[in-house]
Amino acid sequence: MFLEYDANGAQRGTIMQLLFYSSTVDQDNKRLEAAVHKAVPPGRIEIFKTLDDLRERLRTPVEPDSVAVFLASSREELQDIQSLRGLLTEIYIILVLPDLNKGTIKVAHHLLPRYLSQKGSDFADLKIVLHKMYANSQHPQNGEISRGS
């Protein structure tokens, strides 16, 4: 990882990238994608429809403080997403789960998500979380997370 510095030698913040994965095209996908686009500028969002495409992308450098948003349409797909775990070590993870059953949540926690949501949600809370994460990536405050917004 390379750090950027301004003309005075102060460290500059790098702006996060958002990696968005959803293999389905349904109402949940449309609502989630709309929430993502309201929270993060389009130039910072990369959309993936297959895990193979996302896997290839994760093998290249990703900006610090980047976020991956996964919409898992089933518990089986969530388990498939786990195959990427080794490539996600320095990326914040947000998961949208197919249900909130105990077994699904147990599988989800293996990915160490920063935030969990569920299909069928209006994704308003998720949008707020993403907005704060994006704002924090633009204005780092000596490693502290901004509490306001």
C-alpha atoms as a PDB file:
ATOM      1  CA  MET A   1       0.000   0.000   0.000  1.00  0.00           C
ATOM      2  CA  PHE A   2       1.273   3.477  -0.897  1.00  0.00           C
ATOM      3  CA  LEU A   3       0.417   6.502   1.141  1.00  0.00           C
ATOM      4  CA  GLU A   4      -0.273   9.838  -0.516  1.00  0.00           C
ATOM      5  CA  TYR A   5       1.061  13.115   0.871  1.00  0.00           C
ATOM      6  CA  ASP A   6       0.188  16.716   0.100  1.00  0.00           C
ATOM      7  CA  ALA A   7       2.729  19.516  -0.597  1.00  0.00           C
ATOM      8  CA  ASN A   8       3.208  20.091   3.158  1.00  0.00           C
ATOM      9  CA  GLY A   9       4.025  16.453   3.859  1.00  0.00           C
ATOM     10  CA  ALA A  10       0.685  15.693   5.514  1.00  0.00           C
ATOM     11  CA  GLN A  11      -0.866  12.363   4.677  1.00  0.00           C
ATOM     12  CA  ARG A  12      -3.791  12.616   2.258  1.00  0.00           C
ATOM     13  CA  GLY A  13      -6.804  10.365   2.598  1.00  0.00           C
ATOM     14  CA  THR A  14      -7.526   7.905  -0.158  1.00  0.00           C
ATOM     15  CA  ILE A  15     -11.106   7.491  -1.250  1.00  0.00           C
ATOM     16  CA  MET A  16     -12.694   4.103  -0.866  1.00  0.00           C
ATOM     17  CA  GLN A  17     -13.940   1.932  -3.667  1.00  0.00           C
ATOM     18  CA  LEU A  18     -17.196   0.046  -3.375  1.00  0.00           C
ATOM     19  CA  LEU A  19     -17.396  -3.430  -4.869  1.00  0.00           C
ATOM     20  CA  PHE A  20     -21.044  -4.429  -5.331  1.00  0.00           C
ATOM     21  CA  TYR A  21     -21.996  -8.061  -5.927  1.00  0.00           C
ATOM     22  CA  SER A  22     -25.429  -9.399  -6.783  1.00  0.00           C
ATOM     23  CA  SER A  23     -26.141 -12.333  -9.073  1.00  0.00           C
ATOM     24  CA  THR A  24     -29.858 -11.599  -9.270  1.00  0.00           C
ATOM     25  CA  VAL A  25     -31.963  -8.919 -10.906  1.00  0.00           C
ATOM     26  CA  ASP A  26     -35.042  -8.457  -8.766  1.00  0.00           C
ATOM     27  CA  GLN A  27     -36.670  -5.786  -6.605  1.00  0.00           C
ATOM     28  CA  ASP A  28     -34.194  -6.329  -3.747  1.00  0.00           C
ATOM     29  CA  ASN A  29     -31.298  -5.843  -6.139  1.00  0.00           C
ATOM     30  CA  LYS A  30     -32.824  -2.675  -7.582  1.00  0.00           C
ATOM     31  CA  ARG A  31     -33.504  -1.161  -4.131  1.00  0.00           C
ATOM     32  CA  LEU A  32     -30.032  -2.076  -2.878  1.00  0.00           C
ATOM     33  CA  GLU A  33     -28.297  -0.738  -5.973  1.00  0.00           C
ATOM     34  CA  ALA A  34     -30.276   2.518  -5.667  1.00  0.00           C
ATOM     35  CA  ALA A  35     -29.247   2.860  -2.000  1.00  0.00           C
ATOM     36  CA  VAL A  36     -25.594   2.240  -2.918  1.00  0.00           C
ATOM     37  CA  HIS A  37     -25.703   4.889  -5.657  1.00  0.00           C
ATOM     38  CA  LYS A  38     -27.247   7.430  -3.237  1.00  0.00           C
ATOM     39  CA  ALA A  39     -24.478   6.855  -0.679  1.00  0.00           C
ATOM     40  CA  VAL A  40     -21.383   6.589  -2.898  1.00  0.00           C
ATOM     41  CA  PRO A  41     -20.593   8.439  -6.145  1.00  0.00           C
ATOM     42  CA  PRO A  42     -20.922   6.232  -9.266  1.00  0.00           C
ATOM     43  CA  GLY A  43     -17.240   6.658 -10.170  1.00  0.00           C
ATOM     44  CA  ARG A  44     -16.309   4.793  -6.968  1.00  0.00           C
ATOM     45  CA  ILE A  45     -18.669   1.816  -7.529  1.00  0.00           C
ATOM     46  CA  GLU A  46     -17.802  -1.375  -9.384  1.00  0.00           C
ATOM     47  CA  ILE A  47     -20.655  -3.820 -10.047  1.00  0.00           C
ATOM     48  CA  PHE A  48     -20.191  -7.581 -10.360  1.00  0.00           C
ATOM     49  CA  LYS A  49     -22.753 -10.189 -11.404  1.00  0.00           C
ATOM     50  CA  THR A  50     -20.553 -13.284 -10.981  1.00  0.00           C
ATOM     51  CA  LEU A  51     -18.235 -14.375  -8.191  1.00  0.00           C
ATOM     52  CA  ASP A  52     -15.598 -15.297 -10.779  1.00  0.00           C
ATOM     53  CA  ASP A  53     -15.503 -11.704 -12.055  1.00  0.00           C
ATOM     54  CA  LEU A  54     -15.302 -10.371  -8.494  1.00  0.00           C
ATOM     55  CA  ARG A  55     -12.567 -12.887  -7.625  1.00  0.00           C
ATOM     56  CA  GLU A  56     -10.481 -11.633 -10.565  1.00  0.00           C
ATOM     57  CA  ARG A  57     -10.991  -8.028  -9.457  1.00  0.00           C
ATOM     58  CA  LEU A  58      -9.951  -8.827  -5.901  1.00  0.00           C
ATOM     59  CA  ARG A  59      -6.635 -10.142  -7.184  1.00  0.00           C
ATOM     60  CA  THR A  60      -5.698  -6.557  -8.110  1.00  0.00           C
ATOM     61  CA  PRO A  61      -5.041  -3.716  -5.629  1.00  0.00           C
ATOM     62  CA  VAL A  62      -8.022  -2.098  -3.927  1.00  0.00           C
ATOM     63  CA  GLU A  63      -7.981   1.321  -2.239  1.00  0.00           C
ATOM     64  CA  PRO A  64      -7.656   1.341   1.560  1.00  0.00           C
ATOM     65  CA  ASP A  65     -10.962   1.490   3.450  1.00  0.00           C
ATOM     66  CA  SER A  66     -12.801  -0.061   0.513  1.00  0.00           C
ATOM     67  CA  VAL A  67     -16.107  -1.818   0.999  1.00  0.00           C
ATOM     68  CA  ALA A  68     -17.655  -4.903  -0.566  1.00  0.00           C
ATOM     69  CA  VAL A  69     -21.457  -5.145  -0.540  1.00  0.00           C
ATOM     70  CA  PHE A  70     -22.797  -8.644  -1.146  1.00  0.00           C
ATOM     71  CA  LEU A  71     -26.434  -9.499  -1.854  1.00  0.00           C
ATOM     72  CA  ALA A  72     -26.733 -13.222  -1.129  1.00  0.00           C
ATOM     73  CA  SER A  73     -29.882 -14.629  -2.713  1.00  0.00           C
ATOM     74  CA  SER A  74     -29.655 -17.906  -0.745  1.00  0.00           C
ATOM     75  CA  ARG A  75     -27.662 -19.563   2.022  1.00  0.00           C
ATOM     76  CA  GLU A  76     -25.900 -21.600  -0.680  1.00  0.00           C
ATOM     77  CA  GLU A  77     -24.769 -18.412  -2.414  1.00  0.00           C
ATOM     78  CA  LEU A  78     -23.600 -17.029   0.934  1.00  0.00           C
ATOM     79  CA  GLN A  79     -21.472 -20.153   1.344  1.00  0.00           C
ATOM     80  CA  ASP A  80     -20.072 -19.597  -2.163  1.00  0.00           C
ATOM     81  CA  ILE A  81     -19.183 -16.027  -1.188  1.00  0.00           C
ATOM     82  CA  GLN A  82     -17.102 -17.469   1.660  1.00  0.00           C
ATOM     83  CA  SER A  83     -14.696 -18.825  -0.951  1.00  0.00           C
ATOM     84  CA  LEU A  84     -13.532 -15.204  -1.371  1.00  0.00           C
ATOM     85  CA  ARG A  85     -12.714 -14.774   2.321  1.00  0.00           C
ATOM     86  CA  GLY A  86      -8.941 -14.894   1.789  1.00  0.00           C
ATOM     87  CA  LEU A  87      -9.172 -12.059  -0.751  1.00  0.00           C
ATOM     88  CA  LEU A  88     -11.299  -9.846   1.515  1.00  0.00           C
ATOM     89  CA  THR A  89      -8.945  -9.441   4.471  1.00  0.00           C
ATOM     90  CA  GLU A  90      -8.490  -5.680   4.085  1.00  0.00           C
ATOM     91  CA  ILE A  91     -11.954  -4.836   2.780  1.00  0.00           C
ATOM     92  CA  TYR A  92     -14.947  -3.922   4.933  1.00  0.00           C
ATOM     93  CA  ILE A  93     -17.844  -6.274   4.224  1.00  0.00           C
ATOM     94  CA  ILE A  94     -21.547  -5.507   4.197  1.00  0.00           C
ATOM     95  CA  LEU A  95     -23.849  -8.486   3.733  1.00  0.00           C
ATOM     96  CA  VAL A  96     -27.465  -8.576   2.670  1.00  0.00           C
ATOM     97  CA  LEU A  97     -28.780 -11.950   3.793  1.00  0.00           C
ATOM     98  CA  PRO A  98     -31.613 -14.012   2.327  1.00  0.00           C
ATOM     99  CA  ASP A  99     -33.072 -14.529   5.829  1.00  0.00           C
ATOM    100  CA  LEU A 100     -32.184 -14.071   9.469  1.00  0.00           C
ATOM    101  CA  ASN A 101     -32.223 -17.737  10.438  1.00  0.00           C
ATOM    102  CA  LYS A 102     -29.627 -18.743  13.018  1.00  0.00           C
ATOM    103  CA  GLY A 103     -27.754 -20.943  10.505  1.00  0.00           C
ATOM    104  CA  THR A 104     -27.597 -18.172   7.896  1.00  0.00           C
ATOM    105  CA  ILE A 105     -26.261 -15.667  10.424  1.00  0.00           C
ATOM    106  CA  LYS A 106     -23.688 -18.198  11.606  1.00  0.00           C
ATOM    107  CA  VAL A 107     -22.426 -18.630   8.030  1.00  0.00           C
ATOM    108  CA  ALA A 108     -22.441 -14.857   7.513  1.00  0.00           C
ATOM    109  CA  HIS A 109     -20.254 -14.183  10.549  1.00  0.00           C
ATOM    110  CA  HIS A 110     -17.425 -16.243   9.049  1.00  0.00           C
ATOM    111  CA  LEU A 111     -16.933 -13.315   6.639  1.00  0.00           C
ATOM    112  CA  LEU A 112     -16.572 -10.849   9.545  1.00  0.00           C
ATOM    113  CA  PRO A 113     -19.081  -8.306   8.188  1.00  0.00           C
ATOM    114  CA  ARG A 114     -19.214  -4.717   9.415  1.00  0.00           C
ATOM    115  CA  TYR A 115     -22.962  -4.602   8.805  1.00  0.00           C
ATOM    116  CA  LEU A 116     -25.761  -7.100   8.158  1.00  0.00           C
ATOM    117  CA  SER A 117     -29.057  -6.449   6.412  1.00  0.00           C
ATOM    118  CA  GLN A 118     -31.785  -8.666   5.007  1.00  0.00           C
ATOM    119  CA  LYS A 119     -33.472  -9.028   1.649  1.00  0.00           C
ATOM    120  CA  GLY A 120     -36.826  -7.273   1.690  1.00  0.00           C
ATOM    121  CA  SER A 121     -35.402  -4.278   3.555  1.00  0.00           C
ATOM    122  CA  ASP A 122     -35.747  -0.725   2.257  1.00  0.00           C
ATOM    123  CA  PHE A 123     -31.953  -0.458   2.869  1.00  0.00           C
ATOM    124  CA  ALA A 124     -32.269   2.999   4.486  1.00  0.00           C
ATOM    125  CA  ASP A 125     -29.945   2.019   7.369  1.00  0.00           C
ATOM    126  CA  LEU A 126     -27.484   0.430   4.976  1.00  0.00           C
ATOM    127  CA  LYS A 127     -27.416   3.642   2.928  1.00  0.00           C
ATOM    128  CA  ILE A 128     -26.586   5.642   6.075  1.00  0.00           C
ATOM    129  CA  VAL A 129     -23.793   3.209   7.006  1.00  0.00           C
ATOM    130  CA  LEU A 130     -22.299   3.404   3.497  1.00  0.00           C
ATOM    131  CA  HIS A 131     -22.538   7.186   3.450  1.00  0.00           C
ATOM    132  CA  LYS A 132     -20.627   7.426   6.751  1.00  0.00           C
ATOM    133  CA  MET A 133     -18.007   4.953   5.575  1.00  0.00           C
ATOM    134  CA  TYR A 134     -17.514   6.957   2.380  1.00  0.00           C
ATOM    135  CA  ALA A 135     -17.330  10.267   4.281  1.00  0.00           C
ATOM    136  CA  ASN A 136     -14.781   8.803   6.704  1.00  0.00           C
ATOM    137  CA  SER A 137     -12.618   7.609   3.819  1.00  0.00           C
ATOM    138  CA  GLN A 138     -12.485  11.179   2.464  1.00  0.00           C
ATOM    139  CA  HIS A 139     -11.683  12.873   5.743  1.00  0.00           C
ATOM    140  CA  PRO A 140      -9.581  10.638   8.000  1.00  0.00           C
ATOM    141  CA  GLN A 141      -9.159  12.166  11.421  1.00  0.00           C
ATOM    142  CA  ASN A 142      -5.966  10.634  12.761  1.00  0.00           C
ATOM    143  CA  GLY A 143      -7.453   7.170  12.555  1.00  0.00           C
ATOM    144  CA  GLU A 144     -10.657   8.140  14.346  1.00  0.00           C
ATOM    145  CA  ILE A 145     -14.046   7.390  12.892  1.00  0.00           C
ATOM    146  CA  SER A 146     -16.352  10.347  12.465  1.00  0.00           C
ATOM    147  CA  ARG A 147     -19.399  10.042  14.716  1.00  0.00           C
ATOM    148  CA  GLY A 148     -21.448  12.796  13.127  1.00  0.00           C
ATOM    149  CA  SER A 149     -23.269  13.203   9.803  1.00  0.00           C
END
